[in-house]
């Protein structure tokens, strides 16, 4: 390994010395040093792209082919501290992140690189990397589907299990690259999944628990604000999930392969809400319920705040995942409608909404609702064999405490619950929201630091 490491360093330094030094966010591509070992490991990956982030951090990406179809491609991300360009620092702790619906890796976890309303050090991935955690993640296949696409039949075989396989590919790539960087020995890789990414994480660990210990890659699990089964005290939420499952299954039976809880092209209306709030904040919203006169319509700004503060209402006539579920906590007006955001700056929220990708594969949404409904699915039969340490992080106004029961289905004995809240459970409709975990002004103190301390302690 030392010989491989020395050769890698020499090659990397050669490339680094030839490259011009540049400002933060300069993007460079390296053609050889990373790619050849990945091909040798059976990974069909593109050349490495490197983006300088400032403060000694860099963002690396690889495109990895995972099938024969046009869009059977995932993007693997790495955010890491460097000794010098193309030479990542060694770290004994690494985290692999899986995003949920609508937002890929960078908008979800490295938001500051996508918007100009968030300081450079204000994203979970950049924060952890600045604390010497090696941060990895992936974009699921549907993130790369262009908006101009109209035929979605290729999505018919994309589901939870295909995403689990892709996650395994991403973890394998991370393992190869980290070994090239000289990491090994007591290194530990933690899997983090937010929202539906947590569902995929549970399913991955379910499968990995059946492999010999020497072939497992995950040493700890951080599911964020998601449930995979509801407890005995959440019968209403289970019934709501069954209703969502029946509606989505009916759409799939009719031949639909693309869509989400917001219908076909679920990211399109979300992006429009953010665009209107940014470009014409004080104009009456054309998205508000028809039949209202112009003076009665909320402005584009307020409609965006309502959409983020009462996100469950966007699913109507379907019910939300939990009572009062929302993306961003809010302060109500006299009529009880969200009037302004409580935790996330509005400019950042509006930029974030515009980063939603347009499409999603429908199968994974149907399968998730089937699991939440309590029906049999093929990817949770061995949860009791999962015995890695677990940190559940919930937003009190998102899934919150409803996600705690899922951790009890695991065989883990080292389980910690962190529910980020500012209000009583009875006021969850106004509390810390699903996306506040990453966007809130005080997310670093309330969310990211506890995650960091837990990772360091394990």
Protein backbone atom coordinates (compact mmCIF):
# COMPACT_ATOMS: atom_id res chain seq x y z
CA UNK A 1 0.00 0.00 0.00
CA UNK A 2 2.87 2.40 0.75
CA UNK A 3 4.26 1.93 -2.75
CA UNK A 4 0.84 2.60 -4.30
CA UNK A 5 0.41 5.67 -2.10
CA UNK A 6 3.83 7.06 -3.06
CA UNK A 7 3.16 6.62 -6.77
CA UNK A 8 -0.24 8.28 -6.40
CA UNK A 9 1.25 11.25 -4.57
CA UNK A 10 3.94 11.78 -7.21
CA UNK A 11 1.41 11.69 -10.03
CA UNK A 12 -0.98 13.97 -8.17
CA UNK A 13 1.74 16.48 -7.37
CA UNK A 14 2.82 16.46 -11.02
CA UNK A 15 -0.71 17.33 -12.11
CA UNK A 16 -1.07 19.91 -9.34
CA UNK A 17 2.18 21.68 -10.27
CA UNK A 18 1.15 21.84 -13.90
CA UNK A 19 -2.27 23.30 -13.04
CA UNK A 20 -2.70 27.01 -12.48
CA UNK A 21 -3.57 28.05 -8.98
CA UNK A 22 -7.01 29.63 -8.96
CA UNK A 23 -9.75 31.10 -6.88
CA UNK A 24 -12.40 29.09 -5.06
CA UNK A 25 -14.84 27.21 -7.31
CA UNK A 26 -12.27 26.78 -10.13
CA UNK A 27 -13.01 23.43 -11.78
CA UNK A 28 -10.28 21.16 -13.14
CA UNK A 29 -10.34 17.64 -14.59
CA UNK A 30 -7.73 14.98 -13.96
CA UNK A 31 -7.68 12.22 -16.54
CA UNK A 32 -5.58 9.37 -15.22
CA UNK A 33 -4.54 9.08 -11.59
CA UNK A 34 -7.99 8.29 -10.21
CA UNK A 35 -9.58 6.60 -13.21
CA UNK A 36 -7.25 3.65 -13.80
CA UNK A 37 -7.56 2.14 -10.29
CA UNK A 38 -11.35 2.51 -10.50
CA UNK A 39 -11.48 0.66 -13.81
CA UNK A 40 -9.28 -2.04 -12.29
CA UNK A 41 -11.88 -2.35 -9.51
CA UNK A 42 -14.65 -2.86 -12.08
CA UNK A 43 -16.05 0.67 -11.82
CA UNK A 44 -16.81 2.43 -15.11
CA UNK A 45 -16.10 5.96 -13.92
CA UNK A 46 -15.33 9.17 -15.78
CA UNK A 47 -12.28 11.28 -15.18
CA UNK A 48 -12.22 13.10 -11.87
CA UNK A 49 -13.54 16.65 -11.71
CA UNK A 50 -12.20 18.86 -8.92
CA UNK A 51 -13.76 22.12 -7.71
CA UNK A 52 -11.81 24.25 -5.24
CA UNK A 53 -14.12 25.43 -2.45
CA UNK A 54 -11.75 27.65 -0.48
CA UNK A 55 -10.38 27.22 3.04
CA UNK A 56 -8.42 24.17 1.90
CA UNK A 57 -11.51 22.18 0.83
CA UNK A 58 -12.28 20.65 -2.55
CA UNK A 59 -15.27 18.98 -4.18
CA UNK A 60 -14.53 15.98 -6.40
CA UNK A 61 -17.02 14.23 -8.70
CA UNK A 62 -17.13 11.09 -10.83
CA UNK A 63 -19.79 9.98 -13.30
CA UNK A 64 -20.29 6.24 -12.91
CA UNK A 65 -22.18 4.05 -15.37
CA UNK A 66 -24.45 1.58 -13.55
CA UNK A 67 -26.39 0.13 -16.50
CA UNK A 68 -26.78 0.14 -20.25
CA UNK A 69 -29.53 2.75 -20.51
CA UNK A 70 -28.95 6.35 -21.51
CA UNK A 71 -29.54 7.62 -17.97
CA UNK A 72 -28.17 4.65 -16.03
CA UNK A 73 -25.52 6.92 -14.53
CA UNK A 74 -24.91 8.16 -11.01
CA UNK A 75 -22.63 10.96 -9.88
CA UNK A 76 -20.40 10.26 -6.88
CA UNK A 77 -19.28 13.26 -4.84
CA UNK A 78 -16.45 13.84 -2.40
CA UNK A 79 -15.89 16.92 -0.22
CA UNK A 80 -12.59 16.80 1.62
CA UNK A 81 -9.78 18.84 3.09
CA UNK A 82 -6.63 18.82 0.98
CA UNK A 83 -2.92 19.02 1.72
CA UNK A 84 -2.57 20.56 -1.73
CA UNK A 85 -4.63 20.38 -4.95
CA UNK A 86 -5.42 16.76 -5.89
CA UNK A 87 -3.92 15.46 -2.63
CA UNK A 88 -6.70 14.91 -0.05
CA UNK A 89 -5.74 14.81 3.60
CA UNK A 90 -6.08 11.51 5.41
CA UNK A 91 -9.03 11.07 7.72
CA UNK A 92 -10.12 8.23 9.99
CA UNK A 93 -13.80 9.17 9.68
CA UNK A 94 -15.88 9.31 6.51
CA UNK A 95 -19.58 9.87 5.86
CA UNK A 96 -21.47 8.77 2.74
CA UNK A 97 -24.64 10.85 2.18
CA UNK A 98 -27.80 9.85 0.30
CA UNK A 99 -30.27 12.59 -0.64
CA UNK A 100 -34.05 12.37 -0.75
CA UNK A 101 -36.67 13.64 -3.20
CA UNK A 102 -36.25 16.73 -5.40
CA UNK A 103 -32.70 17.76 -4.45
CA UNK A 104 -29.47 15.98 -5.36
CA UNK A 105 -26.27 15.86 -3.33
CA UNK A 106 -25.01 19.41 -3.86
CA UNK A 107 -28.32 21.27 -3.31
CA UNK A 108 -29.10 19.11 -0.27
CA UNK A 109 -25.72 18.83 1.45
CA UNK A 110 -23.41 21.38 -0.23
CA UNK A 111 -25.97 24.12 -0.70
CA UNK A 112 -23.51 27.00 -0.37
CA UNK A 113 -21.93 26.07 -3.73
CA UNK A 114 -25.30 26.36 -5.49
CA UNK A 115 -26.66 29.63 -4.11
CA UNK A 116 -25.19 33.04 -3.34
CA UNK A 117 -27.37 33.63 -0.29
CA UNK A 118 -25.49 31.21 1.96
CA UNK A 119 -21.96 31.80 3.31
CA UNK A 120 -19.21 29.45 2.11
CA UNK A 121 -19.00 27.63 5.43
CA UNK A 122 -22.77 27.13 5.70
CA UNK A 123 -23.44 23.61 4.46
CA UNK A 124 -23.35 20.26 6.21
CA UNK A 125 -20.84 18.68 3.81
CA UNK A 126 -18.44 21.63 3.94
CA UNK A 127 -18.74 21.87 7.71
CA UNK A 128 -17.93 18.20 8.28
CA UNK A 129 -15.07 18.33 5.78
CA UNK A 130 -13.64 21.39 7.57
CA UNK A 131 -13.59 19.24 10.70
CA UNK A 132 -11.51 16.55 8.93
CA UNK A 133 -14.38 14.22 8.05
CA UNK A 134 -14.11 12.78 4.53
CA UNK A 135 -17.57 13.47 3.03
CA UNK A 136 -18.97 11.36 0.19
CA UNK A 137 -22.34 11.04 -1.48
CA UNK A 138 -24.15 10.37 -4.73
CA UNK A 139 -26.78 11.69 -7.08
CA UNK A 140 -29.38 9.03 -7.80
CA UNK A 141 -30.01 8.27 -11.47
CA UNK A 142 -33.02 10.53 -11.90
CA UNK A 143 -31.04 13.61 -10.84
CA UNK A 144 -29.26 13.51 -14.21
CA UNK A 145 -32.38 13.36 -16.38
CA UNK A 146 -32.64 16.60 -18.40
CA UNK A 147 -35.74 18.73 -18.26
CA UNK A 148 -36.29 18.30 -22.02
CA UNK A 149 -36.87 14.54 -21.65
CA UNK A 150 -40.43 13.34 -22.32
CA UNK A 151 -40.17 9.53 -22.52
CA UNK A 152 -39.69 7.88 -19.11
CA UNK A 153 -40.07 4.19 -19.88
CA UNK A 154 -36.44 3.63 -18.91
CA UNK A 155 -37.49 4.37 -15.31
CA UNK A 156 -39.71 1.30 -15.10
CA UNK A 157 -36.93 -0.75 -13.48
CA UNK A 158 -35.59 1.99 -11.21
CA UNK A 159 -36.66 1.23 -7.65
CA UNK A 160 -35.41 0.99 -4.08
CA UNK A 161 -33.32 -2.07 -4.84
CA UNK A 162 -31.66 -0.52 -7.89
CA UNK A 163 -30.84 2.53 -5.75
CA UNK A 164 -29.40 0.19 -3.11
CA UNK A 165 -27.18 -1.33 -5.76
CA UNK A 166 -26.09 2.15 -6.90
CA UNK A 167 -25.33 3.10 -3.31
CA UNK A 168 -23.14 0.01 -3.07
CA UNK A 169 -21.31 1.15 -6.20
CA UNK A 170 -20.74 4.58 -4.68
CA UNK A 171 -19.42 3.06 -1.46
CA UNK A 172 -17.10 0.80 -3.47
CA UNK A 173 -15.69 3.80 -5.33
CA UNK A 174 -15.17 5.65 -2.07
CA UNK A 175 -13.36 2.64 -0.65
CA UNK A 176 -10.96 2.42 -3.62
CA UNK A 177 -10.19 6.14 -3.65
CA UNK A 178 -9.72 6.33 0.12
CA UNK A 179 -7.28 3.44 0.00
CA UNK A 180 -5.34 5.24 -2.74
CA UNK A 181 -5.21 8.23 -0.39
CA UNK A 182 -3.52 6.13 2.26
CA UNK A 183 -6.57 5.59 4.45
CA UNK A 184 -7.12 2.23 6.07
CA UNK A 185 -6.71 0.41 9.34
CA UNK A 186 -9.10 1.96 11.86
CA UNK A 187 -11.03 4.03 9.31
CA UNK A 188 -14.80 4.08 9.71
CA UNK A 189 -17.45 4.87 7.09
CA UNK A 190 -20.82 6.17 8.26
CA UNK A 191 -23.91 6.08 6.07
CA UNK A 192 -26.22 9.09 6.25
CA UNK A 193 -29.61 9.20 4.53
CA UNK A 194 -31.98 12.13 4.52
CA UNK A 195 -35.69 11.63 3.84
CA UNK A 196 -36.10 8.93 1.15
CA UNK A 197 -32.33 8.62 1.28
CA UNK A 198 -32.81 7.15 4.76
CA UNK A 199 -35.24 4.59 3.31
CA UNK A 200 -32.54 3.59 0.84
CA UNK A 201 -30.03 3.50 3.69
CA UNK A 202 -32.17 1.11 5.74
CA UNK A 203 -32.59 -1.11 2.67
CA UNK A 204 -28.83 -1.08 2.00
CA UNK A 205 -28.01 -2.10 5.56
CA UNK A 206 -30.71 -4.78 5.42
CA UNK A 207 -28.88 -6.38 2.49
CA UNK A 208 -25.37 -5.77 3.81
CA UNK A 209 -26.21 -7.47 7.11
CA UNK A 210 -26.34 -10.77 5.20
CA UNK A 211 -22.77 -10.48 3.93
CA UNK A 212 -19.68 -11.68 5.82
CA UNK A 213 -18.42 -8.99 8.14
CA UNK A 214 -15.24 -8.56 6.10
CA UNK A 215 -17.31 -7.54 3.07
CA UNK A 216 -19.38 -4.87 4.82
CA UNK A 217 -18.56 -1.22 4.27
CA UNK A 218 -20.78 0.68 6.74
CA UNK A 219 -19.74 1.18 10.38
CA UNK A 220 -22.58 3.44 11.52
CA UNK A 221 -25.91 4.85 10.32
CA UNK A 222 -27.40 8.36 10.52
CA UNK A 223 -31.01 8.32 9.24
CA UNK A 224 -32.36 11.87 9.05
CA UNK A 225 -36.04 12.73 9.45
CA UNK A 226 -37.63 9.62 7.96
CA UNK A 227 -39.59 6.57 9.05
CA UNK A 228 -39.71 3.22 7.30
CA UNK A 229 -42.42 1.74 9.52
CA UNK A 230 -44.82 3.48 11.87
CA UNK A 231 -45.14 2.37 15.47
CA UNK A 232 -48.29 1.05 17.18
CA UNK A 233 -49.13 4.58 18.37
CA UNK A 234 -49.19 5.98 14.80
CA UNK A 235 -52.17 4.18 13.30
CA UNK A 236 -53.41 7.36 11.60
CA UNK A 237 -50.08 7.94 9.88
CA UNK A 238 -50.02 4.33 8.72
CA UNK A 239 -53.52 4.74 7.26
CA UNK A 240 -52.46 7.91 5.47
CA UNK A 241 -49.53 5.99 3.99
CA UNK A 242 -51.90 3.27 2.78
CA UNK A 243 -54.03 5.89 1.03
CA UNK A 244 -50.98 7.39 -0.66
CA UNK A 245 -49.81 3.92 -1.66
CA UNK A 246 -53.15 3.03 -3.25
CA UNK A 247 -53.25 6.28 -5.23
CA UNK A 248 -49.65 5.97 -6.45
CA UNK A 249 -50.01 2.27 -7.20
CA UNK A 250 -53.06 3.05 -9.33
CA UNK A 251 -50.99 5.56 -11.32
CA UNK A 252 -48.27 2.97 -11.79
CA UNK A 253 -50.83 0.39 -12.93
CA UNK A 254 -51.92 2.88 -15.58
CA UNK A 255 -48.39 2.87 -16.98
CA UNK A 256 -46.77 5.83 -15.28
CA UNK A 257 -43.09 5.38 -14.47
CA UNK A 258 -42.15 8.94 -13.48
CA UNK A 259 -43.45 11.15 -10.70
CA UNK A 260 -43.63 11.65 -6.98
CA UNK A 261 -45.94 12.75 -4.22
CA UNK A 262 -46.56 16.03 -6.07
CA UNK A 263 -47.52 14.23 -9.28
CA UNK A 264 -45.65 14.03 -12.60
CA UNK A 265 -42.47 16.12 -12.84
CA UNK A 266 -42.69 16.93 -9.11
CA UNK A 267 -39.75 19.33 -9.14
CA UNK A 268 -41.25 21.62 -11.76
CA UNK A 269 -43.85 23.37 -9.54
CA UNK A 270 -41.35 23.59 -6.69
CA UNK A 271 -38.86 25.38 -8.93
CA UNK A 272 -41.57 27.73 -10.20
CA UNK A 273 -42.59 28.65 -6.66
CA UNK A 274 -39.00 29.66 -5.89
CA UNK A 275 -38.54 31.52 -9.16
CA UNK A 276 -41.66 33.63 -8.71
CA UNK A 277 -40.79 34.44 -5.10
CA UNK A 278 -37.35 35.65 -6.21
CA UNK A 279 -38.27 37.48 -9.41
CA UNK A 280 -41.62 39.04 -8.46
CA UNK A 281 -41.98 38.72 -4.70
CA UNK A 282 -44.74 41.32 -4.29
CA UNK A 283 -46.94 40.30 -7.23
CA UNK A 284 -50.10 38.23 -6.60
CA UNK A 285 -49.28 34.56 -6.98
CA UNK A 286 -50.69 32.90 -10.12
CA UNK A 287 -50.28 29.58 -8.30
CA UNK A 288 -52.80 30.33 -5.55
CA UNK A 289 -56.25 28.75 -5.69
CA UNK A 290 -58.29 29.89 -8.67
CA UNK A 291 -61.37 31.98 -7.97
CA UNK A 292 -59.60 34.39 -5.65
CA UNK A 293 -59.56 38.04 -6.64
CA UNK A 294 -56.15 39.61 -7.07
CA UNK A 295 -56.13 41.50 -3.72
CA UNK A 296 -57.01 38.25 -1.89
CA UNK A 297 -54.24 36.25 -3.51
CA UNK A 298 -51.04 35.90 -1.49
CA UNK A 299 -47.96 37.43 -3.04
CA UNK A 300 -45.39 35.17 -4.64
CA UNK A 301 -43.19 35.64 -1.60
CA UNK A 302 -45.90 34.63 0.82
CA UNK A 303 -47.05 31.73 -1.34
CA UNK A 304 -43.53 30.32 -1.23
CA UNK A 305 -43.46 30.71 2.56
CA UNK A 306 -46.85 28.96 2.79
CA UNK A 307 -45.65 26.14 0.52
CA UNK A 308 -42.59 25.61 2.72
CA UNK A 309 -44.47 26.09 5.99
CA UNK A 310 -47.50 23.95 5.11
CA UNK A 311 -45.86 21.52 2.69
CA UNK A 312 -48.34 18.77 3.42
CA UNK A 313 -51.10 20.88 1.85
CA UNK A 314 -49.37 20.58 -1.54
CA UNK A 315 -50.19 16.86 -1.53
CA UNK A 316 -53.98 17.37 -1.33
CA UNK A 317 -56.18 15.39 -1.53
CA UNK A 318 -53.51 13.03 -0.12
CA UNK A 319 -52.43 13.38 3.48
CA UNK A 320 -48.83 14.22 4.48
CA UNK A 321 -46.32 11.87 6.03
CA UNK A 322 -46.98 13.26 9.52
CA UNK A 323 -49.35 15.89 11.00
CA UNK A 324 -48.23 19.41 10.13
CA UNK A 325 -45.30 18.14 8.04
CA UNK A 326 -43.32 20.95 6.37
CA UNK A 327 -39.97 21.87 4.85
CA UNK A 328 -39.33 25.07 6.78
CA UNK A 329 -40.75 26.27 10.07
CA UNK A 330 -42.72 29.52 9.99
CA UNK A 331 -44.32 32.29 12.02
CA UNK A 332 -48.10 32.52 11.36
CA UNK A 333 -50.17 35.56 10.50
CA UNK A 334 -53.49 36.47 12.18
CA UNK A 335 -55.32 33.92 10.01
CA UNK A 336 -52.91 31.15 11.00
CA UNK A 337 -51.15 30.99 7.62
CA UNK A 338 -47.35 31.02 7.47
CA UNK A 339 -46.32 34.66 7.21
CA UNK A 340 -42.53 34.46 7.35
CA UNK A 341 -39.92 31.80 7.88
CA UNK A 342 -38.77 31.12 11.42
CA UNK A 343 -35.41 29.40 11.00
CA UNK A 344 -34.21 29.60 7.38
CA UNK A 345 -33.56 32.99 5.68
CA UNK A 346 -36.18 33.52 2.99
CA UNK A 347 -33.69 34.34 0.17
CA UNK A 348 -31.91 31.04 0.85
CA UNK A 349 -35.20 29.14 0.90
CA UNK A 350 -36.31 30.65 -2.41
CA UNK A 351 -32.95 29.82 -4.04
CA UNK A 352 -33.16 26.30 -2.64
CA UNK A 353 -36.62 25.71 -4.12
CA UNK A 354 -35.26 26.62 -7.54
CA UNK A 355 -32.63 23.86 -7.28
CA UNK A 356 -35.22 21.07 -7.37
CA UNK A 357 -34.66 18.61 -10.22
CA UNK A 358 -37.72 18.07 -12.43
CA UNK A 359 -38.18 14.29 -12.47
CA UNK A 360 -38.16 11.24 -10.22
CA UNK A 361 -38.75 7.52 -10.67
CA UNK A 362 -42.20 6.56 -9.41
CA UNK A 363 -41.39 3.03 -8.23
CA UNK A 364 -39.35 4.10 -5.22
CA UNK A 365 -42.18 6.36 -4.04
CA UNK A 366 -44.75 3.57 -4.37
CA UNK A 367 -42.47 1.12 -2.56
CA UNK A 368 -41.79 3.55 0.28
CA UNK A 369 -45.50 4.13 0.85
CA UNK A 370 -46.12 0.38 0.73
CA UNK A 371 -43.54 -0.11 3.46
CA UNK A 372 -44.97 2.72 5.56
CA UNK A 373 -48.43 1.19 5.12
CA UNK A 374 -47.15 -1.92 6.89
CA UNK A 375 -47.25 -4.18 3.83
CA UNK A 376 -44.53 -6.65 2.88
CA UNK A 377 -41.55 -5.35 0.87
CA UNK A 378 -38.41 -7.27 -0.09
CA UNK A 379 -35.89 -4.90 1.45
CA UNK A 380 -36.52 -4.94 5.21
CA UNK A 381 -36.54 -8.65 6.09
CA UNK A 382 -33.20 -8.52 7.93
CA UNK A 383 -33.29 -5.24 9.81
CA UNK A 384 -32.90 -7.12 13.10
CA UNK A 385 -29.47 -8.25 11.83
CA UNK A 386 -28.27 -4.66 11.43
CA UNK A 387 -26.15 -3.95 14.51
CA UNK A 388 -24.14 -0.84 13.66
CA UNK A 389 -24.37 2.25 15.88
CA UNK A 390 -27.28 4.53 14.93
CA UNK A 391 -27.96 8.26 15.32
CA UNK A 392 -31.49 9.24 14.33
CA UNK A 393 -31.83 12.97 13.62
CA UNK A 394 -35.39 14.26 13.31
CA UNK A 395 -36.93 17.67 12.71
CA UNK A 396 -39.81 18.21 15.14
CA UNK A 397 -41.89 19.78 12.37
CA UNK A 398 -40.97 17.15 9.81
CA UNK A 399 -41.06 13.42 10.54
CA UNK A 400 -39.57 14.07 13.97
CA UNK A 401 -40.41 11.56 16.69
CA UNK A 402 -42.30 9.36 14.23
CA UNK A 403 -38.94 8.18 12.92
CA UNK A 404 -37.76 6.82 16.27
CA UNK A 405 -39.74 3.58 16.03
CA UNK A 406 -37.91 2.55 12.85
CA UNK A 407 -34.58 2.47 14.69
CA UNK A 408 -36.07 -0.04 17.12
CA UNK A 409 -36.53 -2.49 14.27
CA UNK A 410 -32.76 -2.78 14.02
CA UNK A 411 -30.60 -5.08 16.07
CA UNK A 412 -28.43 -2.14 17.13
CA UNK A 413 -27.88 -1.58 20.84
CA UNK A 414 -26.05 1.74 20.40
CA UNK A 415 -28.93 4.02 19.32
CA UNK A 416 -29.19 7.76 19.90
CA UNK A 417 -32.17 10.00 19.06
CA UNK A 418 -31.82 13.73 18.37
CA UNK A 419 -35.08 15.59 17.74
CA UNK A 420 -34.45 19.24 16.87
CA UNK A 421 -37.33 21.20 18.33
CA UNK A 422 -38.26 24.69 19.51
CA UNK A 423 -41.90 24.09 20.45
CA UNK A 424 -44.15 21.55 22.11
CA UNK A 425 -45.23 18.54 20.06
CA UNK A 426 -48.72 20.04 19.88
CA UNK A 427 -47.21 22.96 17.93
CA UNK A 428 -45.22 20.82 15.49
CA UNK A 429 -46.84 22.59 12.51
CA UNK A 430 -44.64 25.62 13.30
CA UNK A 431 -41.50 23.86 14.49
CA UNK A 432 -38.13 23.09 12.91
CA UNK A 433 -38.77 21.70 9.43
CA UNK A 434 -37.49 18.93 7.19
CA UNK A 435 -35.12 21.21 5.23
CA UNK A 436 -34.29 23.46 8.20
CA UNK A 437 -31.88 20.66 9.18
CA UNK A 438 -29.59 21.99 6.42
CA UNK A 439 -30.72 25.56 5.77
CA UNK A 440 -31.51 27.09 9.17
CA UNK A 441 -29.38 29.90 10.55
CA UNK A 442 -28.49 27.82 13.60
CA UNK A 443 -28.35 24.40 11.89
CA UNK A 444 -24.63 24.17 12.56
CA UNK A 445 -25.09 24.34 16.33
CA UNK A 446 -28.35 22.40 16.61
CA UNK A 447 -27.80 19.71 13.98
CA UNK A 448 -24.35 19.49 12.44
CA UNK A 449 -22.22 19.74 15.57
CA UNK A 450 -24.10 16.91 17.34
CA UNK A 451 -23.67 14.76 14.22
CA UNK A 452 -19.96 15.55 14.14
CA UNK A 453 -19.50 14.73 17.83
CA UNK A 454 -21.34 11.43 17.42
CA UNK A 455 -19.22 10.46 14.40
CA UNK A 456 -16.02 11.38 16.24
CA UNK A 457 -17.09 9.35 19.28
CA UNK A 458 -17.66 6.26 17.17
